[in-house]
Protein backbone atom coordinates (compact mmCIF):
# COMPACT_ATOMS: atom_id res chain seq x y z
CA MET A 1 4.00 31.90 -33.00
CA SER A 2 1.34 31.46 -30.36
CA ARG A 3 1.42 27.69 -30.86
CA TRP A 4 4.98 27.27 -29.67
CA PRO A 5 4.49 28.00 -25.96
CA SER A 6 1.62 25.51 -25.83
CA LEU A 7 3.69 22.90 -27.68
CA ALA A 8 6.57 23.41 -25.26
CA ALA A 9 4.21 23.04 -22.31
CA ALA A 10 2.79 19.85 -23.81
CA ALA A 11 6.29 18.47 -24.27
CA ARG A 12 7.15 19.24 -20.64
CA ALA A 13 3.93 17.59 -19.48
CA ALA A 14 4.69 14.46 -21.53
CA ARG A 15 8.09 13.90 -19.92
CA PRO A 16 8.19 10.94 -17.52
CA ALA A 17 7.69 12.07 -13.94
CA PRO A 18 9.87 10.74 -11.09
CA PHE A 19 7.05 8.47 -9.86
CA GLU A 20 6.78 6.96 -13.34
CA LEU A 21 10.52 6.40 -13.67
CA TRP A 22 10.68 4.80 -10.22
CA THR A 23 7.70 2.53 -10.83
CA VAL A 24 8.70 1.32 -14.28
CA GLY A 25 12.32 0.85 -13.20
CA GLY A 26 11.23 -1.23 -10.22
CA ALA A 27 8.95 -3.38 -12.36
CA VAL A 28 11.68 -4.01 -14.93
CA ALA A 29 14.14 -4.99 -12.18
CA THR A 30 11.58 -7.33 -10.61
CA ILE A 31 10.79 -9.19 -13.81
CA ALA A 32 14.49 -9.37 -14.71
CA LEU A 33 15.20 -10.95 -11.31
CA LEU A 34 12.42 -13.51 -11.62
CA ARG A 35 13.41 -14.49 -15.15
CA ALA A 36 17.06 -14.73 -14.13
CA ARG A 37 15.95 -17.19 -11.43
CA GLY A 38 14.34 -19.38 -14.05
CA LEU A 39 10.72 -18.26 -13.74
CA ASP A 40 9.17 -17.88 -17.16
CA TYR A 41 6.93 -14.99 -16.24
CA GLY A 42 6.06 -13.33 -19.50
CA TRP A 43 3.00 -11.94 -21.25
CA ASN A 44 0.74 -14.37 -19.39
CA THR A 45 1.39 -12.49 -16.14
CA VAL A 46 0.50 -9.20 -17.81
CA ALA A 47 -2.70 -10.65 -19.21
CA HIS A 48 -3.61 -12.03 -15.80
CA THR A 49 -3.03 -8.74 -13.98
CA PHE A 50 -3.80 -5.64 -16.02
CA PRO A 51 -7.30 -6.27 -17.43
CA ALA A 52 -8.78 -6.61 -13.94
CA LEU A 53 -6.88 -3.58 -12.64
CA LEU A 54 -7.83 -1.37 -15.58
CA ALA A 55 -11.45 -2.51 -15.43
CA ALA A 56 -11.65 -1.06 -11.91
CA LEU A 57 -10.72 2.46 -13.05
CA PRO A 58 -14.26 3.71 -13.78
CA ARG A 59 -15.35 2.72 -10.27
CA LEU A 60 -12.26 4.37 -8.74
CA LEU A 61 -12.95 7.54 -10.73
CA ALA A 62 -16.58 7.60 -9.60
CA VAL A 63 -15.61 7.09 -5.96
CA GLY A 64 -12.88 9.73 -6.14
CA LEU A 65 -15.17 12.30 -7.71
CA ALA A 66 -17.93 11.59 -5.20
CA LEU A 67 -15.59 12.01 -2.24
CA ASN A 68 -14.21 15.26 -3.62
CA LEU A 69 -17.70 16.61 -4.25
CA VAL A 70 -18.63 15.79 -0.65
CA ALA A 71 -15.43 17.48 0.57
CA ALA A 72 -16.16 20.54 -1.56
CA ARG A 73 -19.69 20.79 -0.19
CA LEU A 74 -18.59 20.40 3.42
CA GLY A 75 -15.82 22.94 2.88
CA GLY A 76 -18.23 25.55 1.56
CA GLU A 77 -17.14 25.27 -2.06
CA ARG A 78 -19.58 25.01 -4.92
CA TRP A 79 -19.56 21.73 -6.81
CA ARG A 80 -19.31 23.52 -10.11
CA ASP A 81 -16.06 25.18 -9.03
CA TYR A 82 -14.46 21.83 -8.29
CA LEU A 83 -15.77 20.29 -11.52
CA ARG A 84 -14.57 23.28 -13.50
CA GLY A 85 -11.12 22.82 -11.98
CA ILE A 86 -10.79 19.25 -13.28
CA ALA A 87 -12.52 19.71 -16.62
CA SER A 88 -9.43 19.56 -18.80
CA GLY A 89 -7.58 17.05 -20.89
CA ARG A 90 -4.42 17.75 -18.90
CA TRP A 91 -6.09 16.76 -15.62
CA ALA A 92 -7.61 13.61 -17.16
CA LEU A 93 -4.24 12.58 -18.61
CA GLY A 94 -2.55 13.16 -15.26
CA TRP A 95 -5.18 11.05 -13.48
CA ALA A 96 -4.78 8.21 -16.00
CA ARG A 97 -0.98 8.28 -15.66
CA LEU A 98 -1.23 8.01 -11.88
CA TRP A 99 -3.46 4.96 -12.02
CA LEU A 100 -1.45 3.30 -14.77
CA MET A 101 1.61 3.48 -12.52
CA VAL A 102 -0.40 2.05 -9.62
CA ALA A 103 -1.28 -0.90 -11.87
CA VAL A 104 2.38 -1.37 -12.82
CA GLN A 105 3.37 -1.22 -9.15
CA ILE A 106 0.75 -3.79 -8.13
CA TYR A 107 1.93 -6.05 -10.94
CA ALA A 108 5.57 -5.99 -9.86
CA TYR A 109 4.81 -6.23 -6.15
CA MET A 110 2.36 -9.09 -6.51
CA TRP A 111 4.53 -11.30 -8.69
CA LEU A 112 7.70 -10.78 -6.66
CA LYS A 113 5.92 -11.42 -3.37
CA VAL A 114 4.21 -14.64 -4.44
CA SER A 115 7.44 -15.94 -6.00
CA ILE A 116 9.65 -15.50 -2.94
CA PRO A 117 9.45 -19.21 -1.94
CA LEU A 118 10.88 -20.04 -5.35
CA VAL A 119 13.72 -17.50 -5.43
CA ASN A 120 14.83 -17.36 -1.78
CA ALA A 121 13.96 -20.34 0.40
CA ARG A 122 15.75 -19.08 3.52
CA LEU A 123 13.34 -18.03 6.30
CA TRP A 124 14.26 -15.57 9.04
CA ASP A 125 11.36 -16.17 11.43
CA GLY A 126 13.55 -17.59 14.19
CA GLU A 127 15.81 -14.54 14.15
CA LEU A 128 12.86 -12.13 14.07
CA TRP A 129 11.20 -13.92 17.01
CA ARG A 130 14.39 -13.67 19.05
CA LEU A 131 14.92 -10.03 18.07
CA ASP A 132 11.36 -9.22 19.15
CA ARG A 133 11.99 -10.71 22.59
CA LEU A 134 15.38 -9.03 22.87
CA LEU A 135 13.94 -5.60 22.15
CA HIS A 136 11.01 -6.11 24.55
CA PHE A 137 12.86 -7.41 27.63
CA GLY A 138 12.20 -11.09 27.02
CA VAL A 139 8.50 -10.70 26.17
CA SER A 140 7.08 -11.57 22.76
CA PRO A 141 4.73 -8.69 21.73
CA THR A 142 2.79 -11.12 19.54
CA VAL A 143 2.11 -13.54 22.38
CA LEU A 144 1.27 -10.67 24.74
CA ALA A 145 -1.21 -9.10 22.29
CA ILE A 146 -2.91 -12.44 21.64
CA GLU A 147 -3.24 -13.22 25.36
CA LEU A 148 -4.69 -9.77 26.07
CA ALA A 149 -7.27 -10.11 23.28
CA ALA A 150 -8.19 -13.75 23.89
CA GLY A 151 -11.69 -14.30 25.24
CA THR A 152 -12.67 -10.62 24.96
CA PRO A 153 -14.75 -8.62 22.44
CA LEU A 154 -11.48 -6.97 21.45
CA ALA A 155 -10.48 -10.05 19.45
CA ARG A 156 -13.52 -9.82 17.19
CA ALA A 157 -13.11 -6.03 16.86
CA ILE A 158 -9.50 -6.46 15.78
CA ASP A 159 -10.51 -9.10 13.26
CA VAL A 160 -12.99 -6.69 11.67
CA LEU A 161 -10.83 -3.56 11.81
CA TYR A 162 -7.75 -5.26 10.42
CA GLY A 163 -9.79 -6.47 7.47
CA LEU A 164 -10.67 -2.86 6.59
CA TRP A 165 -7.09 -2.11 5.61
CA ILE A 166 -7.42 -3.54 2.10
CA PRO A 167 -10.37 -1.34 0.98
CA SER A 168 -9.02 1.73 2.81
CA VAL A 169 -5.88 2.03 0.67
CA PRO A 170 -7.51 2.28 -2.79
CA LEU A 171 -10.11 4.57 -1.24
CA VAL A 172 -7.39 7.04 -0.24
CA PHE A 173 -5.81 6.88 -3.69
CA ALA A 174 -9.19 7.31 -5.38
CA TYR A 175 -9.83 10.46 -3.37
CA VAL A 176 -6.42 12.10 -3.60
CA PHE A 177 -5.88 11.26 -7.27
CA CYS A 178 -9.05 13.25 -8.03
CA TRP A 179 -7.70 16.43 -6.48
CA ARG A 180 -7.33 19.39 -8.80
CA GLU A 181 -3.74 20.03 -7.70
CA ALA A 182 -1.12 17.94 -9.48
CA ALA A 183 1.84 18.29 -7.11
CA PRO A 184 0.33 16.61 -4.00
CA ARG A 185 -0.98 13.76 -6.16
CA ARG A 186 2.46 13.13 -7.65
CA HIS A 187 4.02 13.37 -4.19
CA LEU A 188 1.74 10.61 -2.89
CA ALA A 189 2.29 8.52 -6.03
CA LEU A 190 6.09 8.55 -5.68
CA ALA A 191 6.02 7.95 -1.92
CA SER A 192 3.69 4.97 -2.39
CA ALA A 193 5.77 3.55 -5.24
CA ALA A 194 8.90 3.82 -3.11
CA LEU A 195 7.21 2.17 -0.14
CA TRP A 196 5.89 -0.83 -2.05
CA THR A 197 8.98 -1.30 -4.20
CA LEU A 198 11.40 -1.19 -1.27
CA GLY A 199 9.04 -3.30 0.82
CA ALA A 200 8.85 -6.03 -1.82
CA TRP A 201 12.62 -6.14 -2.13
CA MET A 202 12.92 -6.41 1.64
CA TYR A 203 10.56 -9.39 1.47
CA PHE A 204 12.99 -10.93 -0.99
CA ALA A 205 16.08 -10.10 1.11
CA LEU A 206 14.63 -11.24 4.47
CA PRO A 207 11.90 -13.81 3.80
CA ALA A 208 9.66 -14.56 6.78
CA VAL A 209 6.16 -15.99 6.99
CA GLY A 210 5.10 -14.52 10.35
CA PRO A 211 4.18 -15.96 13.76
CA CYS A 212 0.86 -17.46 12.64
CA TYR A 213 2.77 -19.79 10.28
CA ALA A 214 6.14 -20.17 11.98
CA SER A 215 4.48 -20.94 15.36
CA PRO A 216 0.87 -21.85 14.51
CA ASP A 217 -0.02 -22.77 18.10
CA VAL A 218 0.29 -19.10 18.99
CA MET A 219 -3.11 -18.42 17.38
CA ALA A 220 -5.01 -21.01 19.42
CA PRO A 221 -6.33 -18.60 22.11
CA VAL A 222 -7.99 -16.27 19.54
CA ALA A 223 -8.67 -18.53 16.56
CA ALA A 224 -12.37 -18.89 17.30
CA ASP A 225 -12.85 -15.12 17.61
CA MET A 226 -10.94 -14.17 14.45
CA PRO A 227 -12.63 -16.03 11.58
CA THR A 228 -11.55 -13.52 8.94
CA ALA A 229 -7.87 -13.61 9.89
CA VAL A 230 -7.78 -17.39 10.36
CA GLY A 231 -9.63 -18.07 7.11
CA THR A 232 -7.32 -15.77 5.17
CA GLN A 233 -4.26 -17.31 6.78
CA ARG A 234 -5.43 -20.77 5.79
CA ALA A 235 -5.99 -19.75 2.15
CA LEU A 236 -2.64 -17.98 1.86
CA TRP A 237 -0.79 -20.88 3.47
CA GLN A 238 -2.22 -23.41 1.03
CA ASN A 239 -1.06 -21.19 -1.82
CA TYR A 240 2.37 -20.80 -0.22
CA LEU A 241 2.78 -24.56 0.19
CA GLY A 242 1.82 -25.01 -3.44
CA MET A 243 4.60 -22.65 -4.45
CA VAL A 244 7.07 -24.49 -2.22
CA ARG A 245 6.13 -27.84 -3.77
CA SER A 246 6.79 -26.45 -7.24
CA ARG A 247 10.41 -25.51 -6.55
CA GLY A 248 12.55 -26.56 -9.48
CA ALA A 249 9.57 -26.56 -11.84
CA GLN A 250 7.29 -23.98 -13.39
CA PRO A 251 4.47 -23.33 -10.86
CA ASP A 252 0.85 -23.66 -11.88
CA HIS A 253 -2.56 -23.55 -10.20
CA PHE A 254 -1.64 -20.77 -7.78
CA GLN A 255 -3.17 -17.42 -6.88
CA PRO A 256 -0.71 -14.55 -7.54
CA MET A 257 -2.45 -12.29 -5.05
CA PHE A 258 -1.90 -14.75 -2.19
CA GLY A 259 1.72 -13.97 -1.41
CA VAL A 260 3.02 -14.50 2.12
CA ALA A 261 5.65 -12.19 3.60
CA ALA A 262 6.07 -10.58 7.00
CA MET A 263 9.15 -8.33 7.02
CA PRO A 264 8.38 -5.43 6.75
CA SER A 265 4.71 -4.82 7.61
CA LEU A 266 3.34 -2.70 4.80
CA HIS A 267 0.01 -2.55 6.60
CA VAL A 268 1.77 -0.41 9.19
CA GLY A 269 3.96 1.24 6.56
CA ALA A 270 1.01 2.41 4.44
CA TYR A 271 -0.75 4.10 7.35
CA VAL A 272 2.46 5.76 8.56
CA LEU A 273 2.92 6.98 4.99
CA PHE A 274 -0.60 8.46 4.98
CA ALA A 275 0.09 10.16 8.33
CA LEU A 276 3.34 11.71 7.10
CA TRP A 277 1.77 12.71 3.81
CA SER A 278 -1.20 14.27 5.65
CA ARG A 279 1.21 16.32 7.74
CA ARG A 280 2.35 17.97 4.52
CA HIS A 281 -0.95 18.27 2.67
CA ALA A 282 -3.95 17.69 4.96
CA ARG A 283 -3.07 18.33 8.60
CA ARG A 284 -6.59 17.73 9.87
CA TRP A 285 -6.20 14.03 9.04
CA GLN A 286 -2.77 13.53 10.53
CA LEU A 287 -4.07 12.46 13.95
CA PHE A 288 -6.57 10.08 12.39
CA TRP A 289 -3.84 8.25 10.50
CA TRP A 290 -1.58 8.01 13.54
CA LEU A 291 -4.45 6.49 15.53
CA ALA A 292 -5.18 4.12 12.64
CA THR A 293 -1.51 3.16 12.62
CA GLY A 294 -1.72 2.23 16.31
CA VAL A 295 -4.78 0.07 15.66
CA ILE A 296 -3.24 -1.69 12.67
CA PHE A 297 0.06 -2.28 14.50
CA CYS A 298 -1.70 -3.87 17.49
CA GLY A 299 -3.90 -5.83 15.10
CA SER A 300 -0.88 -7.15 13.22
CA LEU A 301 0.36 -8.66 16.49
CA ALA A 302 -2.96 -9.95 17.84
CA THR A 303 -3.80 -11.67 14.54
CA GLY A 304 -0.37 -13.33 14.40
CA TRP A 305 0.45 -11.85 11.01
CA HIS A 306 3.55 -9.99 12.14
CA TYR A 307 6.37 -9.59 14.62
CA ALA A 308 6.65 -6.17 16.24
CA VAL A 309 9.92 -5.51 14.40
CA ASP A 310 8.01 -5.90 11.12
CA GLY A 311 5.91 -2.91 12.09
CA TYR A 312 8.94 -0.87 13.13
CA ALA A 313 10.60 -1.65 9.80
CA GLY A 314 7.43 -0.69 7.92
CA ALA A 315 7.26 2.66 9.72
CA LEU A 316 10.91 3.39 8.97
CA LEU A 317 10.38 2.46 5.34
CA ALA A 318 7.41 4.85 5.13
CA TRP A 319 9.56 7.68 6.49
CA LEU A 320 12.22 6.91 3.88
CA ALA A 321 9.60 6.79 1.11
CA ILE A 322 8.26 10.21 2.09
CA ARG A 323 11.78 11.63 2.14
CA ILE A 324 12.32 10.27 -1.39
CA ALA A 325 9.10 11.96 -2.50
CA ASP A 326 10.12 15.21 -0.77
CA ARG A 327 13.35 15.14 -2.74
CA PHE A 328 12.10 14.18 -6.20
CA GLU A 329 8.42 15.29 -6.22
CA PRO A 330 8.49 18.31 -3.90
CA VAL A 331 5.47 20.52 -3.36
CA GLU A 332 6.82 24.05 -3.28
CA ARG A 333 5.60 26.59 -0.78
CA GLY A 334 2.66 28.44 -2.24
CA GLU A 335 1.54 25.56 -4.47
CA THR A 336 -1.09 24.54 -1.96
CA GLU A 337 -2.86 26.13 0.94
CA PRO A 338 -5.31 24.65 3.48
CA ARG A 339 -8.75 23.78 2.21
CA GLU A 340 -9.89 21.61 5.09
CA SER A 341 -13.37 20.12 5.15
CA PRO A 342 -14.90 19.27 8.54
CA VAL A 343 -15.25 15.49 8.22
CA LEU A 344 -15.50 12.75 5.66
CA ALA A 345 -16.98 9.34 6.22
CA SER A 346 -14.13 7.65 4.36
CA PRO A 347 -10.52 7.25 5.55
CA ALA A 348 -9.16 9.72 3.02
CA ALA A 349 -7.08 12.82 3.36
CA CYS A 350 -8.57 16.30 3.05
CA PRO A 351 -6.98 18.42 0.31
CA ARG A 352 -4.91 21.53 0.58
CA SER A 353 -5.70 23.69 -2.35
CA SER A 354 -5.06 26.98 -3.94
CA GLY A 355 -6.86 25.79 -6.91
CA ALA A 356 -4.15 20.39 -8.07
CA ASP A 357 0.22 -5.76 -2.69
CA SER A 358 -3.07 -8.36 -2.05
CA ALA A 359 -3.31 -10.25 0.27
CA ARG A 360 -1.58 -9.36 3.46
CA SER A 361 1.53 -7.18 3.76
């Protein structure tokens, strides 16, 4: 008789979680759309994407464990207590399920984003430029930010800081997904899946390439001081033009990670998401993420990647994603309590515990 409760618990644990249902559903819809538009994306896209993503998991696990051990030490907790808390098959299975869904989400996001020139050729850059000026009393925030940064050390600083966005996101996931508590991890997983799924579909609905491509002269004042941004823009644009040239035929010789899309800005959206998530689970880091959001928003303008309205849309999308996670992956009162550590060198959130794209956005 004693086996039955454990079997029932195992069955409950094996049921698909809301973040898994959302992620898989979004991926199926994405591939169905692309195939309906005549793109023969099949097993070759899976083989191109998943081996590299899955090969990174041991490094992500090592980084996540290291960051949590540092947090435990700084918070006055013994390392063995943290390690004892995660030493179970249930925790390991939960961690693997989280990362598998991240891989599925990256797969769907990447292939939809890079294929937009083939499935929706209409560009909305002119309308977004005019909307930007309308909302800002006739001034283009992109032009203003570039002129303010031009010829100053700020331009080089923005170039460096903006480039840190890509490594910062997996670093946060690596840290949080190694928490002992399951509920906050699932909450972040669903919020992130909602953000990137909805963001990718907005790319499809309102295609735009951004000021640096729609009005390339706008980058002239800062081009020499932003080698990282300009070099990346050049590589992505060559890939984009290759996709455009292949309209009506099956594309080849392209880089799936080099998608180009401006509306919304998921650089801004991701950091707003981290700020809102921190407010619920790691309040000490909330201010950090709001400040980081300000930096990334200004950087998105000064580098010419985005219109200001892209950032506003990304922030609104992050709020909606968090609300979806609040509804379907709630963390009940009493499930977590503050366990703040003083500081961490990495841009990751500090846990609350009672004991659980790619290219540019």
